[in-house]
Structure formats: structure tokens, C-alpha cells
Amino acid sequence: MKNKGIYIVLAVLVVLALAFTIVEMTGQAISSVKGACNDTDNGDDKYLQGTAGYANRDKFTDACYGSGDANWLKEYLCLGDARLTSKRYHCDNGCANGACNK
């Protein structure tokens, strides 16, 4: 009976090891397909329109939005080489052409 318990524990450990190996391999494959993240306005600059994205995939351009006067900006930027994210800004002097007015 004790031997059966040992085999079950070993089987669970093998399954977990395989699962972690597959996740790691998949993550590496996705990173290499996306390429590095680039931002044409060099990051978090709400006064300059830019485009951020991956060399081999999606690209997003900073854009103004809002009802009536466009007073909001969606700023796309890279966090390091690998992660694309966005921020929202309220533009006190309005927003035009994907940038807050100074």
C-alpha cells in the first residue's frame, strides 16, 4: 500500500514538471514571434503623438477621445522591451492629433 502512494506522488511530480516545461517553452516562442516592443515617442510623453508596438505584430497610435471636446488621451507605451501597455490622461488644454495640448 505504501508503494502505491509513492507512485502517485511521483506521477504528480512528473506531470507538474512537464506542465512547467511546456509553459516556459510556449512563453519563449511567443516572445520571439512578437519581437521587441518599440515606441516612436520614446515612452510616456503625452505631448507628442507616437506609435507603440511590436516589430512583427500589432502597433497602436496615441489617440484623443471623449465626447464633445476631446480632452482625453490614450497613450501607448512599452514597459521594457517586452510589454506593451497604455495610460489614460486628462488633457487640461484639450487634445489634438494624438497628443495633449501644452
C-alpha atoms as a PDB file:
ATOM      1  CA  MET A   1       0.000   0.000   0.000  1.00  0.00           C
ATOM      2  CA  LYS A   2       2.862   2.411   0.806  1.00  0.00           C
ATOM      3  CA  ASN A   3       4.407   1.768  -2.629  1.00  0.00           C
ATOM      4  CA  LYS A   4       1.182   2.819  -4.330  1.00  0.00           C
ATOM      5  CA  GLY A   5       1.312   6.199  -2.543  1.00  0.00           C
ATOM      6  CA  ILE A   6       4.898   6.765  -3.660  1.00  0.00           C
ATOM      7  CA  TYR A   7       3.965   6.070  -7.284  1.00  0.00           C
ATOM      8  CA  ILE A   8       1.096   8.549  -7.103  1.00  0.00           C
ATOM      9  CA  VAL A   9       3.387  11.268  -5.689  1.00  0.00           C
ATOM     10  CA  LEU A  10       5.984  10.573  -8.390  1.00  0.00           C
ATOM     11  CA  ALA A  11       3.328  10.703 -11.110  1.00  0.00           C
ATOM     12  CA  VAL A  12       2.070  14.080  -9.849  1.00  0.00           C
ATOM     13  CA  LEU A  13       5.624  15.467  -9.773  1.00  0.00           C
ATOM     14  CA  VAL A  14       6.274  14.302 -13.339  1.00  0.00           C
ATOM     15  CA  VAL A  15       3.038  15.907 -14.565  1.00  0.00           C
ATOM     16  CA  LEU A  16       3.907  19.210 -12.829  1.00  0.00           C
ATOM     17  CA  ALA A  17       7.436  19.195 -14.274  1.00  0.00           C
ATOM     18  CA  LEU A  18       6.053  18.652 -17.775  1.00  0.00           C
ATOM     19  CA  ALA A  19       3.470  21.413 -17.323  1.00  0.00           C
ATOM     20  CA  PHE A  20       6.127  23.957 -16.270  1.00  0.00           C
ATOM     21  CA  THR A  21       8.374  22.937 -19.173  1.00  0.00           C
ATOM     22  CA  ILE A  22       5.557  23.431 -21.707  1.00  0.00           C
ATOM     23  CA  VAL A  23       4.611  26.832 -20.268  1.00  0.00           C
ATOM     24  CA  GLU A  24       8.227  28.001 -20.395  1.00  0.00           C
ATOM     25  CA  MET A  25       8.682  26.817 -23.993  1.00  0.00           C
ATOM     26  CA  THR A  26       5.431  28.465 -25.084  1.00  0.00           C
ATOM     27  CA  GLY A  27       6.374  31.783 -23.478  1.00  0.00           C
ATOM     28  CA  GLN A  28       9.718  31.824 -25.261  1.00  0.00           C
ATOM     29  CA  ALA A  29       8.085  31.078 -28.590  1.00  0.00           C
ATOM     30  CA  ILE A  30       5.562  33.900 -28.188  1.00  0.00           C
ATOM     31  CA  SER A  31       8.297  36.406 -27.245  1.00  0.00           C
ATOM     32  CA  SER A  32      10.360  35.629 -30.309  1.00  0.00           C
ATOM     33  CA  VAL A  33       7.339  35.917 -32.616  1.00  0.00           C
ATOM     34  CA  LYS A  34       6.305  39.314 -31.209  1.00  0.00           C
ATOM     35  CA  GLY A  35       9.765  40.840 -31.371  1.00  0.00           C
ATOM     36  CA  ALA A  36      10.821  43.769 -29.224  1.00  0.00           C
ATOM     37  CA  CYS A  37       8.379  46.495 -28.219  1.00  0.00           C
ATOM     38  CA  ASN A  38       9.172  49.932 -29.725  1.00  0.00           C
ATOM     39  CA  ASP A  39       7.645  53.382 -29.132  1.00  0.00           C
ATOM     40  CA  THR A  40       8.233  56.233 -31.593  1.00  0.00           C
ATOM     41  CA  ASP A  41       7.752  58.961 -28.950  1.00  0.00           C
ATOM     42  CA  ASN A  42      10.254  57.231 -26.642  1.00  0.00           C
ATOM     43  CA  GLY A  43       7.810  56.233 -23.932  1.00  0.00           C
ATOM     44  CA  ASP A  44       5.417  58.132 -21.740  1.00  0.00           C
ATOM     45  CA  ASP A  45       5.135  61.544 -23.483  1.00  0.00           C
ATOM     46  CA  LYS A  46       1.600  62.917 -23.501  1.00  0.00           C
ATOM     47  CA  TYR A  47       2.644  65.996 -25.512  1.00  0.00           C
ATOM     48  CA  LEU A  48       3.927  64.026 -28.529  1.00  0.00           C
ATOM     49  CA  GLN A  49       1.938  61.549 -30.603  1.00  0.00           C
ATOM     50  CA  GLY A  50       3.655  58.223 -31.048  1.00  0.00           C
ATOM     51  CA  THR A  51       3.061  54.662 -32.133  1.00  0.00           C
ATOM     52  CA  ALA A  52       3.992  51.723 -29.920  1.00  0.00           C
ATOM     53  CA  GLY A  53       4.017  48.061 -30.711  1.00  0.00           C
ATOM     54  CA  TYR A  54       5.975  45.003 -31.689  1.00  0.00           C
ATOM     55  CA  ALA A  55       8.193  44.837 -34.749  1.00  0.00           C
ATOM     56  CA  ASN A  56       6.427  41.752 -36.096  1.00  0.00           C
ATOM     57  CA  ARG A  57       2.868  42.424 -34.887  1.00  0.00           C
ATOM     58  CA  ASP A  58       0.368  44.948 -33.597  1.00  0.00           C
ATOM     59  CA  LYS A  59       1.058  48.678 -33.462  1.00  0.00           C
ATOM     60  CA  PHE A  60      -1.077  51.276 -31.656  1.00  0.00           C
ATOM     61  CA  THR A  61      -1.060  55.057 -32.150  1.00  0.00           C
ATOM     62  CA  ASP A  62      -1.744  57.516 -29.327  1.00  0.00           C
ATOM     63  CA  ALA A  63      -5.244  58.960 -29.778  1.00  0.00           C
ATOM     64  CA  CYS A  64      -7.559  61.623 -28.379  1.00  0.00           C
ATOM     65  CA  TYR A  65     -11.055  60.681 -27.301  1.00  0.00           C
ATOM     66  CA  GLY A  66     -14.049  61.974 -25.397  1.00  0.00           C
ATOM     67  CA  SER A  67     -17.477  63.363 -26.140  1.00  0.00           C
ATOM     68  CA  GLY A  68     -17.679  66.991 -27.258  1.00  0.00           C
ATOM     69  CA  ASP A  69     -14.190  68.409 -26.839  1.00  0.00           C
ATOM     70  CA  ALA A  70     -11.575  65.681 -26.938  1.00  0.00           C
ATOM     71  CA  ASN A  71      -9.959  66.158 -23.537  1.00  0.00           C
ATOM     72  CA  TRP A  72      -8.656  62.642 -23.014  1.00  0.00           C
ATOM     73  CA  LEU A  73      -5.591  60.927 -24.429  1.00  0.00           C
ATOM     74  CA  LYS A  74      -4.834  57.225 -24.662  1.00  0.00           C
ATOM     75  CA  GLU A  75      -1.025  56.959 -24.609  1.00  0.00           C
ATOM     76  CA  TYR A  76       0.514  53.651 -25.714  1.00  0.00           C
ATOM     77  CA  LEU A  77       3.969  52.796 -24.404  1.00  0.00           C
ATOM     78  CA  CYS A  78       6.406  49.950 -23.860  1.00  0.00           C
ATOM     79  CA  LEU A  79       7.475  48.676 -20.473  1.00  0.00           C
ATOM     80  CA  GLY A  80      10.964  47.473 -21.226  1.00  0.00           C
ATOM     81  CA  ASP A  81      11.450  45.530 -24.444  1.00  0.00           C
ATOM     82  CA  ALA A  82       8.672  43.029 -23.996  1.00  0.00           C
ATOM     83  CA  ARG A  83       5.437  44.574 -22.698  1.00  0.00           C
ATOM     84  CA  LEU A  84       3.031  46.956 -24.414  1.00  0.00           C
ATOM     85  CA  THR A  85       0.622  48.899 -22.202  1.00  0.00           C
ATOM     86  CA  SER A  86      -1.433  52.101 -22.261  1.00  0.00           C
ATOM     87  CA  LYS A  87      -2.294  55.002 -19.968  1.00  0.00           C
ATOM     88  CA  ARG A  88      -5.151  57.495 -19.989  1.00  0.00           C
ATOM     89  CA  TYR A  89      -4.540  61.190 -19.423  1.00  0.00           C
ATOM     90  CA  HIS A  90      -6.944  64.069 -18.970  1.00  0.00           C
ATOM     91  CA  CYS A  91      -5.578  66.949 -21.064  1.00  0.00           C
ATOM     92  CA  ASP A  92      -6.274  70.269 -19.298  1.00  0.00           C
ATOM     93  CA  ASN A  93      -5.818  72.277 -22.515  1.00  0.00           C
ATOM     94  CA  GLY A  94      -7.516  69.787 -24.810  1.00  0.00           C
ATOM     95  CA  CYS A  95      -6.155  67.067 -27.026  1.00  0.00           C
ATOM     96  CA  ALA A  96      -5.402  67.160 -30.752  1.00  0.00           C
ATOM     97  CA  ASN A  97      -3.714  64.796 -33.188  1.00  0.00           C
ATOM     98  CA  GLY A  98      -2.988  62.164 -30.543  1.00  0.00           C
ATOM     99  CA  ALA A  99      -1.285  64.498 -28.032  1.00  0.00           C
ATOM    100  CA  CYS A 100      -2.261  66.793 -25.170  1.00  0.00           C
ATOM    101  CA  ASN A 101      -2.060  70.497 -25.971  1.00  0.00           C
ATOM    102  CA  LYS A 102       0.586  72.339 -23.923  1.00  0.00           C
END
